[in-house]
Amino acid sequence: MRVIYIIDTLQTGGAEKSLLAIVKRFTIIQPLFWVLYEGEHSLSELYEEAKLQVKYWNFPPTTSRSFIAKKLSAEIGIEKPIVIHSTLFRSDMVSRQLSGDFVIINSIVNNSYHWRRYKDLSLKEILALLRVQFLDFISVKKVDYWIANSSYLAKVHQKYLGIENSKIKVIPRGRAIEKNTRTFESRSDDIVFLNISRLIHRKGLIDLVYAFRDLVARFPIAKLYLVGDGPLKDDLAKLIERLNLADNVFLLGGQLEVGRYLYSCDFFVFPSHYEGLPGALIEAMLAKKPIIASDIPEIKACVHSNMAMFHEVGNRKDLAKTLDRAITYQNWEEEVNRAYYHALNEYDIDNISRNYEEFYLKHSG
């Protein structure tokens, strides 16, 4: 039984990595990935290693969606999938123009229309995002079902887009579970904070670097490692230099294997302005690392208040104070263990993969 996944690119992102982890565990469904646009496909080798079938269409980003849909529809008649499952906005819009006898599923992976996103934009950008939201809204009826990363994302998209509750299934992202017998370890000589994310504005990394300047004034041995790549890289590098933090804050670039960074750090910090279900946060929970995160609902749906330390989103001074408080806090062992066992119960990738297959089979018509 064939499911075709439509996705923009295979860049190193949460959605792309999550789908890889899910589908390579399928036992019934035969997945086929259609990567629509030319660009960076840094995860392509991992998809090949998993022996997944991938077709790269290499459309320029400016290609009209109706043209793409026409090309795809012709090949859909040959492949005869039971489901077309798209992820990310451009692919979602293409999926809604496809023709054929199959079920269309879209993913809900981000809180894309939250007011916090709008408030950081220029007038031109606000108008562009409103247009995107309008296009999303007027075409939702063409989607048969939705898979949301969390119940919170499901709820807000019912509000934003008018999606019927009966059409949304909540299945979180997951991670491979390896029993972690490590106990909470005290710090080494340096105090090492880690962030793993795309280097984009909504991840709150500018806030984090400014807050870290205040922390370094009290703890000169504090280090911050930023693992990831993205369009904000040059701006971050300039800010680090301007704030004289070159000996304390390090841009490590994109890394396919982040485990060694997680297990060697003292704290995991995640100051995002808005999110989906952050896979890196789940990895930090499973690694038994103390977590400092912004107090947004998307994160609190993943890690609860007795499992982490929270700061006011977008408040650099409060973030600096929370980083400071994390260093001297005495009850981290209890909190990291709660987070670890919660992640074990909720985010086992084998269970999540089975849930996906069951959902496809149930709704394949």
Protein backbone atom coordinates (compact mmCIF):
# COMPACT_ATOMS: atom_id res chain seq x y z
CA MET A 1 0.00 0.00 0.00
CA ARG A 2 1.55 3.23 -1.21
CA VAL A 3 1.66 6.60 0.55
CA ILE A 4 3.26 9.53 -1.27
CA TYR A 5 4.85 12.19 0.91
CA ILE A 6 5.12 15.65 -0.62
CA ILE A 7 7.65 17.96 0.99
CA ASP A 8 9.42 21.19 -0.02
CA THR A 9 13.06 20.09 0.43
CA LEU A 10 15.15 17.68 2.49
CA GLN A 11 16.97 20.39 4.42
CA THR A 12 17.89 19.75 8.05
CA GLY A 13 14.63 20.64 9.77
CA GLY A 14 12.35 19.15 12.38
CA ALA A 15 9.64 18.01 9.98
CA GLU A 16 12.09 16.41 7.56
CA LYS A 17 13.96 14.53 10.31
CA SER A 18 10.74 13.47 12.01
CA LEU A 19 9.25 11.96 8.85
CA LEU A 20 12.45 10.03 8.23
CA ALA A 21 12.35 8.52 11.71
CA ILE A 22 8.67 7.59 11.37
CA VAL A 23 8.49 6.04 7.91
CA LYS A 24 11.67 3.97 8.06
CA ARG A 25 9.91 1.89 10.73
CA PHE A 26 6.84 1.11 8.61
CA THR A 27 5.98 -2.55 8.18
CA ILE A 28 2.90 -2.28 5.93
CA ILE A 29 2.89 1.07 4.14
CA GLN A 30 5.28 1.64 1.22
CA PRO A 31 6.44 5.28 1.40
CA LEU A 32 7.52 7.35 -1.59
CA PHE A 33 8.90 10.86 -1.08
CA TRP A 34 8.40 13.58 -3.65
CA VAL A 35 10.73 16.52 -2.94
CA LEU A 36 9.32 19.44 -4.88
CA TYR A 37 11.85 22.24 -4.97
CA GLU A 38 15.48 22.66 -5.88
CA GLY A 39 17.72 23.69 -3.01
CA GLU A 40 19.67 22.26 -0.12
CA HIS A 41 18.89 18.59 0.56
CA SER A 42 21.29 17.97 3.44
CA LEU A 43 19.28 14.98 4.70
CA SER A 44 19.34 13.14 1.37
CA GLU A 45 22.10 10.74 2.45
CA LEU A 46 20.15 9.71 5.55
CA TYR A 47 17.07 9.01 3.41
CA GLU A 48 19.24 6.92 1.08
CA GLU A 49 20.77 5.03 4.02
CA ALA A 50 17.24 4.20 5.18
CA LYS A 51 16.57 2.81 1.67
CA LEU A 52 13.63 5.16 1.16
CA GLN A 53 12.44 5.89 -2.36
CA VAL A 54 12.85 9.61 -3.13
CA LYS A 55 12.08 11.53 -6.32
CA TYR A 56 13.51 15.04 -6.66
CA TRP A 57 11.36 17.20 -8.93
CA ASN A 58 13.70 20.22 -8.66
CA PHE A 59 11.11 22.86 -9.45
CA PRO A 60 12.41 26.43 -9.08
CA PRO A 61 10.78 28.12 -6.04
CA THR A 62 8.90 30.52 -8.34
CA THR A 63 7.12 27.72 -10.24
CA SER A 64 3.33 28.07 -10.12
CA ARG A 65 1.57 25.57 -7.88
CA SER A 66 -0.96 24.72 -10.56
CA PHE A 67 1.87 23.75 -12.94
CA ILE A 68 3.47 21.56 -10.25
CA ALA A 69 0.13 19.96 -9.41
CA LYS A 70 -0.47 19.12 -13.08
CA LYS A 71 2.92 17.43 -13.37
CA LEU A 72 2.41 15.48 -10.14
CA SER A 73 -1.13 14.41 -11.00
CA ALA A 74 0.09 12.71 -14.18
CA GLU A 75 2.51 10.53 -12.21
CA ILE A 76 0.01 9.89 -9.41
CA GLY A 77 -2.03 7.96 -11.96
CA ILE A 78 0.94 5.61 -12.38
CA GLU A 79 1.84 5.22 -8.69
CA LYS A 80 -1.79 4.84 -7.50
CA PRO A 81 -1.25 5.87 -3.84
CA ILE A 82 -3.94 5.40 -1.21
CA VAL A 83 -2.83 8.61 0.53
CA ILE A 84 -1.05 11.84 -0.40
CA HIS A 85 0.49 13.31 2.75
CA SER A 86 2.03 16.78 2.46
CA THR A 87 4.15 18.69 4.96
CA LEU A 88 4.91 22.44 5.07
CA PHE A 89 2.90 25.24 3.47
CA ARG A 90 4.05 25.22 -0.16
CA SER A 91 3.62 21.46 -0.41
CA ASP A 92 0.24 21.69 1.33
CA MET A 93 -0.95 24.21 -1.27
CA VAL A 94 0.19 21.92 -4.09
CA SER A 95 -1.52 18.90 -2.54
CA ARG A 96 -4.85 20.74 -2.54
CA GLN A 97 -4.71 21.11 -6.33
CA LEU A 98 -4.01 17.45 -7.08
CA SER A 99 -6.52 15.25 -8.85
CA GLY A 100 -7.04 11.53 -8.39
CA ASP A 101 -8.64 8.85 -6.24
CA PHE A 102 -6.77 9.16 -2.94
CA VAL A 103 -7.02 10.68 0.52
CA ILE A 104 -5.26 14.01 1.11
CA ILE A 105 -3.60 14.54 4.50
CA ASN A 106 -1.81 17.73 5.56
CA SER A 107 0.48 18.11 8.57
CA ILE A 108 0.18 20.74 11.31
CA VAL A 109 3.74 21.22 12.52
CA ASN A 110 3.97 24.91 13.47
CA ASN A 111 1.99 27.66 15.17
CA SER A 112 2.34 29.69 11.99
CA TYR A 113 -0.31 32.37 12.54
CA HIS A 114 0.25 33.27 16.18
CA TRP A 115 0.21 36.97 17.04
CA ARG A 116 3.84 36.73 18.19
CA ARG A 117 4.82 35.99 14.62
CA TYR A 118 2.86 38.94 13.29
CA LYS A 119 4.25 41.41 15.83
CA ASP A 120 7.85 40.91 14.66
CA LEU A 121 7.04 41.64 11.01
CA SER A 122 7.11 44.77 8.89
CA LEU A 123 3.86 45.97 7.32
CA LYS A 124 4.82 44.38 4.01
CA GLU A 125 5.59 41.08 5.75
CA ILE A 126 2.32 41.23 7.72
CA LEU A 127 0.35 41.63 4.50
CA ALA A 128 2.24 38.72 2.94
CA LEU A 129 1.53 36.45 5.92
CA LEU A 130 -2.15 37.48 5.95
CA ARG A 131 -2.32 36.44 2.30
CA VAL A 132 -0.77 33.08 3.18
CA GLN A 133 -3.26 32.57 6.00
CA PHE A 134 -6.15 33.50 3.70
CA LEU A 135 -5.01 31.02 1.03
CA ASP A 136 -4.71 28.38 3.74
CA PHE A 137 -8.19 29.17 5.06
CA ILE A 138 -10.07 29.12 1.75
CA SER A 139 -8.62 25.78 0.65
CA VAL A 140 -8.92 23.70 3.85
CA LYS A 141 -12.04 21.93 2.57
CA LYS A 142 -9.88 20.21 -0.04
CA VAL A 143 -8.02 18.34 2.72
CA ASP A 144 -9.55 15.11 4.01
CA TYR A 145 -7.57 14.80 7.26
CA TRP A 146 -4.86 16.51 9.27
CA ILE A 147 -2.14 15.13 11.53
CA ALA A 148 -1.09 17.61 14.23
CA ASN A 149 2.06 17.40 16.34
CA SER A 150 0.21 18.34 19.54
CA SER A 151 -3.28 18.92 20.91
CA TYR A 152 -2.43 22.60 21.32
CA LEU A 153 -1.55 22.97 17.62
CA ALA A 154 -4.73 21.11 16.70
CA LYS A 155 -6.82 23.50 18.81
CA VAL A 156 -5.31 26.72 17.47
CA HIS A 157 -5.59 25.59 13.85
CA GLN A 158 -9.26 24.80 14.36
CA LYS A 159 -9.53 28.45 15.41
CA TYR A 160 -7.32 29.93 12.67
CA LEU A 161 -8.54 27.84 9.74
CA GLY A 162 -11.93 26.48 10.79
CA ILE A 163 -10.87 22.83 10.60
CA GLU A 164 -13.42 20.36 11.94
CA ASN A 165 -12.30 18.57 15.09
CA SER A 166 -13.22 15.17 13.62
CA LYS A 167 -10.70 15.69 10.81
CA ILE A 168 -7.66 16.19 13.05
CA LYS A 169 -5.59 13.39 14.54
CA VAL A 170 -2.93 14.27 17.12
CA ILE A 171 0.25 12.22 16.71
CA PRO A 172 3.39 13.79 18.19
CA ARG A 173 6.89 13.61 16.86
CA GLY A 174 9.04 10.98 18.48
CA ARG A 175 12.54 9.78 19.06
CA ALA A 176 14.21 6.39 19.22
CA ILE A 177 14.18 5.28 22.84
CA GLU A 178 17.38 3.91 24.32
CA LYS A 179 17.21 3.42 28.05
CA ASN A 180 19.26 6.13 29.73
CA THR A 181 20.83 4.83 32.92
CA ARG A 182 22.85 8.00 33.50
CA THR A 183 22.20 9.85 36.69
CA PHE A 184 22.14 13.62 36.86
CA GLU A 185 25.73 14.82 36.79
CA SER A 186 27.14 17.96 38.34
CA ARG A 187 28.90 20.52 36.16
CA SER A 188 32.44 20.37 34.86
CA ASP A 189 34.79 23.34 35.20
CA ASP A 190 33.00 25.22 32.43
CA ILE A 191 29.24 25.85 32.56
CA VAL A 192 28.02 24.69 29.16
CA PHE A 193 24.65 25.70 27.70
CA LEU A 194 23.43 24.17 24.44
CA ASN A 195 20.82 25.14 21.87
CA ILE A 196 19.93 23.00 18.85
CA SER A 197 17.73 24.68 16.25
CA ARG A 198 17.54 26.30 12.85
CA LEU A 199 19.20 29.70 12.94
CA ILE A 200 16.06 31.71 12.25
CA HIS A 201 14.50 34.64 14.08
CA ARG A 202 11.62 32.79 15.73
CA LYS A 203 14.01 30.54 17.65
CA GLY A 204 14.86 33.47 19.96
CA LEU A 205 18.61 33.20 19.43
CA ILE A 206 19.21 36.96 19.31
CA ASP A 207 17.51 37.16 22.72
CA LEU A 208 19.70 34.31 23.94
CA VAL A 209 23.00 35.92 22.92
CA TYR A 210 22.06 39.22 24.60
CA ALA A 211 20.99 37.36 27.74
CA PHE A 212 24.22 35.40 27.70
CA ARG A 213 26.22 38.62 27.79
CA ASP A 214 24.60 39.39 31.15
CA LEU A 215 25.26 35.85 32.39
CA VAL A 216 28.94 35.97 31.43
CA ALA A 217 29.36 39.12 33.53
CA ARG A 218 28.59 36.95 36.58
CA PHE A 219 29.93 33.62 35.33
CA PRO A 220 32.91 34.23 32.99
CA ILE A 221 33.39 30.47 32.51
CA ALA A 222 29.90 30.06 30.99
CA LYS A 223 29.85 28.76 27.40
CA LEU A 224 27.01 28.67 24.88
CA TYR A 225 27.07 26.29 21.91
CA LEU A 226 24.61 26.93 19.07
CA VAL A 227 24.16 23.84 16.89
CA GLY A 228 22.34 24.52 13.65
CA ASP A 229 22.42 26.49 10.44
CA GLY A 230 20.19 29.02 8.77
CA PRO A 231 19.80 32.55 7.44
CA LEU A 232 20.49 34.19 10.82
CA LYS A 233 24.02 32.81 11.00
CA ASP A 234 25.85 35.93 9.80
CA ASP A 235 23.79 38.24 12.03
CA LEU A 236 24.54 36.05 15.04
CA ALA A 237 28.25 35.98 14.23
CA LYS A 238 28.36 39.78 14.04
CA LEU A 239 26.40 40.13 17.30
CA ILE A 240 28.73 37.71 19.10
CA GLU A 241 31.71 39.74 17.94
CA ARG A 242 30.11 43.09 18.81
CA LEU A 243 29.25 41.94 22.35
CA ASN A 244 32.79 40.57 22.86
CA LEU A 245 31.50 37.03 23.37
CA ALA A 246 33.85 35.20 20.99
CA ASP A 247 35.35 33.25 23.92
CA ASN A 248 31.93 32.28 25.28
CA VAL A 249 29.46 31.78 22.41
CA PHE A 250 30.19 29.39 19.53
CA LEU A 251 28.36 28.72 16.26
CA LEU A 252 28.92 25.04 15.48
CA GLY A 253 26.88 24.80 12.27
CA GLY A 254 24.49 22.04 11.30
CA GLN A 255 25.23 18.61 12.75
CA LEU A 256 23.50 15.36 11.81
CA GLU A 257 24.53 13.67 15.06
CA VAL A 258 23.76 15.91 18.03
CA GLY A 259 23.95 13.29 20.77
CA ARG A 260 27.55 14.02 21.73
CA TYR A 261 26.72 17.69 22.25
CA LEU A 262 23.68 16.85 24.36
CA TYR A 263 25.52 14.47 26.63
CA SER A 264 28.46 16.83 27.13
CA CYS A 265 26.46 19.97 27.98
CA ASP A 266 25.21 21.06 31.40
CA PHE A 267 21.99 22.80 30.32
CA PHE A 268 19.72 22.82 27.28
CA VAL A 269 18.22 26.23 26.51
CA PHE A 270 15.33 26.78 24.09
CA PRO A 271 14.01 30.38 23.94
CA SER A 272 11.69 30.09 20.92
CA HIS A 273 9.02 32.69 20.18
CA TYR A 274 6.65 30.13 18.65
CA GLU A 275 7.01 26.44 17.82
CA GLY A 276 5.49 23.21 16.68
CA LEU A 277 6.59 20.21 18.73
CA PRO A 278 10.36 20.68 19.10
CA GLY A 279 12.22 17.44 18.52
CA ALA A 280 15.43 18.82 20.01
CA LEU A 281 13.57 19.44 23.25
CA ILE A 282 12.47 15.80 23.36
CA GLU A 283 16.08 14.73 22.80
CA ALA A 284 17.17 16.89 25.73
CA MET A 285 14.51 15.27 27.92
CA LEU A 286 15.74 11.81 26.96
CA ALA A 287 19.34 12.88 27.60
CA LYS A 288 18.36 13.93 31.15
CA LYS A 289 19.50 17.51 30.70
CA PRO A 290 18.17 20.47 32.69
CA ILE A 291 15.96 22.52 30.38
CA ILE A 292 15.49 26.29 30.29
CA ALA A 293 12.77 27.29 27.81
CA SER A 294 10.38 30.07 26.88
CA ASP A 295 6.94 29.93 28.48
CA ILE A 296 4.99 29.46 25.25
CA PRO A 297 2.09 26.94 25.15
CA GLU A 298 3.73 24.85 22.42
CA ILE A 299 6.69 24.09 24.68
CA LYS A 300 4.63 23.66 27.84
CA ALA A 301 2.54 21.08 26.00
CA CYS A 302 5.75 19.07 25.58
CA VAL A 303 7.58 19.61 28.87
CA HIS A 304 5.55 20.51 31.95
CA SER A 305 6.23 23.14 34.60
CA ASN A 306 7.68 20.65 37.10
CA MET A 307 10.15 19.33 34.51
CA ALA A 308 11.94 22.50 33.39
CA MET A 309 12.60 26.16 34.14
CA PHE A 310 10.72 28.77 32.10
CA HIS A 311 11.34 32.40 31.19
CA GLU A 312 9.02 35.00 29.72
CA VAL A 313 9.16 34.69 25.94
CA GLY A 314 11.07 37.50 24.25
CA ASN A 315 12.21 39.03 27.57
CA ARG A 316 16.01 39.10 27.48
CA LYS A 317 16.42 40.25 31.07
CA ASP A 318 14.16 37.49 32.37
CA LEU A 319 16.01 34.95 30.24
CA ALA A 320 19.34 36.12 31.72
CA LYS A 321 17.95 35.83 35.25
CA THR A 322 16.59 32.34 34.50
CA LEU A 323 19.95 31.16 33.14
CA ASP A 324 21.57 32.51 36.29
CA ARG A 325 19.02 30.79 38.53
CA ALA A 326 19.48 27.50 36.66
CA ILE A 327 23.16 27.40 37.62
CA THR A 328 22.46 27.56 41.36
CA TYR A 329 19.21 25.54 41.41
CA GLN A 330 19.45 22.48 43.68
CA ASN A 331 16.53 20.26 42.55
CA TRP A 332 17.44 19.55 38.94
CA GLU A 333 17.77 15.80 39.46
CA GLU A 334 14.07 15.42 40.30
CA GLU A 335 12.98 17.58 37.37
CA VAL A 336 15.16 15.93 34.71
CA ASN A 337 13.95 12.50 35.82
CA ARG A 338 10.31 13.59 35.52
CA ALA A 339 11.01 14.94 32.04
CA TYR A 340 12.83 11.74 31.05
CA TYR A 341 10.01 9.38 32.06
CA HIS A 342 7.42 11.66 30.48
CA ALA A 343 9.35 11.50 27.20
CA LEU A 344 9.61 7.71 27.47
CA ASN A 345 5.83 7.42 27.77
CA GLU A 346 4.82 10.00 25.17
CA TYR A 347 7.45 10.09 22.43
CA ASP A 348 8.54 6.53 21.65
CA ILE A 349 9.09 6.60 17.89
CA ASP A 350 8.08 2.94 17.43
CA ASN A 351 4.62 3.63 18.88
CA ILE A 352 4.28 6.81 16.84
CA SER A 353 5.21 5.00 13.63
CA ARG A 354 2.52 2.38 14.32
CA ASN A 355 -0.02 5.15 14.95
CA TYR A 356 0.76 6.65 11.55
CA GLU A 357 0.29 3.35 9.74
CA GLU A 358 -2.95 2.64 11.58
CA PHE A 359 -4.29 6.08 10.70
CA TYR A 360 -3.47 5.65 7.01
CA LEU A 361 -5.10 2.23 6.88
CA LYS A 362 -8.21 3.41 8.73
CA HIS A 363 -8.79 6.41 6.47
CA SER A 364 -7.56 5.13 3.11
CA GLY A 365 -11.08 4.53 1.90
